[in-house]
Protein backbone atom coordinates (compact mmCIF):
# COMPACT_ATOMS: atom_id res chain seq x y z
CA MET A 1 14.40 -60.11 25.35
CA LYS A 2 13.97 -56.43 24.27
CA ILE A 3 12.35 -55.46 20.86
CA ASN A 4 13.04 -52.05 19.14
CA PHE A 5 11.01 -50.81 16.42
CA ASP A 6 10.54 -47.75 14.83
CA ALA A 7 9.27 -46.43 11.46
CA SER A 8 9.77 -42.97 9.34
CA ILE A 9 7.71 -41.64 6.61
CA SER A 10 9.42 -40.14 3.38
CA SER A 11 7.96 -39.23 0.05
CA ASN A 12 5.01 -41.60 -0.67
CA ARG A 13 6.62 -44.73 1.24
CA THR A 14 6.93 -45.87 4.70
CA ASN A 15 9.77 -47.45 6.30
CA PHE A 16 10.36 -49.46 9.53
CA GLY A 17 13.03 -51.33 11.34
CA VAL A 18 13.14 -53.87 14.14
CA ILE A 19 16.22 -54.96 16.49
CA VAL A 20 15.86 -58.00 18.78
CA ARG A 21 18.22 -58.20 21.41
CA ASP A 22 18.70 -60.52 24.14
CA ASP A 23 19.13 -59.71 28.12
CA GLU A 24 23.05 -58.96 27.62
CA GLY A 25 22.30 -56.48 24.77
CA PHE A 26 23.60 -58.89 22.03
CA VAL A 27 21.50 -58.75 18.60
CA ILE A 28 19.62 -61.70 18.00
CA ASP A 29 17.80 -60.49 15.00
CA VAL A 30 17.20 -57.59 12.93
CA GLY A 31 14.41 -56.67 10.29
CA GLU A 32 13.33 -53.82 8.24
CA GLY A 33 10.70 -53.21 5.27
CA LEU A 34 8.73 -50.42 3.52
CA LYS A 35 5.28 -49.95 2.17
CA ASN A 36 5.23 -48.04 -1.09
CA LYS A 37 2.24 -45.70 0.29
CA MET A 38 2.23 -42.39 2.76
CA MET A 39 0.57 -42.92 6.02
CA LEU A 40 0.26 -40.89 8.82
CA ALA A 41 3.12 -41.23 11.45
CA GLU A 42 1.06 -42.78 14.24
CA TRP A 43 -0.27 -45.54 11.76
CA ALA A 44 3.40 -46.32 10.50
CA LYS A 45 4.50 -46.82 14.04
CA ILE A 46 1.47 -49.21 14.37
CA TYR A 47 2.63 -51.02 11.60
CA ALA A 48 6.06 -51.21 12.83
CA PHE A 49 4.72 -52.73 16.13
CA GLU A 50 2.64 -55.44 14.07
CA GLU A 51 6.17 -56.20 12.36
CA SER A 52 7.80 -56.55 15.32
CA ILE A 53 5.35 -58.88 17.01
CA ASN A 54 5.49 -61.13 13.79
CA MET A 55 9.20 -61.10 14.12
CA ALA A 56 8.93 -62.09 17.70
CA CYS A 57 6.30 -65.10 16.71
CA ALA A 58 8.57 -66.17 13.93
CA LEU A 59 11.38 -66.36 16.45
CA ASN A 60 9.58 -68.29 18.64
CA ILE A 61 10.56 -66.36 21.90
CA LYS A 62 9.30 -68.16 25.01
CA THR A 63 10.76 -65.34 27.69
CA ALA A 64 9.37 -62.20 28.60
CA MET A 65 9.51 -59.53 25.83
CA VAL A 66 10.09 -55.63 25.86
CA PHE A 67 8.76 -53.82 23.10
CA GLU A 68 10.34 -50.12 23.22
CA ILE A 69 9.56 -47.31 20.76
CA ASP A 70 9.64 -43.51 21.76
CA ASN A 71 6.25 -42.59 20.96
CA ALA A 72 4.12 -41.82 23.91
CA SER A 73 0.55 -41.95 21.87
CA LEU A 74 1.13 -45.56 20.75
CA ILE A 75 2.35 -46.63 24.21
CA ASN A 76 -0.69 -45.11 25.70
CA ARG A 77 -3.29 -46.84 23.17
CA VAL A 78 -1.69 -50.47 24.24
CA LYS A 79 -1.94 -49.94 27.96
CA HIS A 80 -5.53 -48.76 27.78
CA HIS A 81 -6.45 -51.14 24.61
CA SER A 82 -9.70 -52.45 26.49
CA THR A 83 -10.87 -48.88 26.51
CA ASP A 84 -9.35 -47.50 23.41
CA VAL A 85 -12.08 -47.93 20.76
CA THR A 86 -9.69 -46.68 18.02
CA ILE A 87 -7.66 -49.76 17.96
């Protein structure tokens, strides 16, 4: 399974989207949402990551999952979570 997620910020609100695909690229589920508050871009993407994990849990996915986003800072924080005291 592959789970793509991202977030965007507009005036006083934060939007996020999640797409879950199987190994052949078939869409299994999609989700989106918003928070009526402004946040830093990195925090918005962390929120989207959290929501993508929640979606994977709700779908009861038992196979290996790949979470994908185009944000190097977030990827590095997740990879080094045991030594990053800001998470």
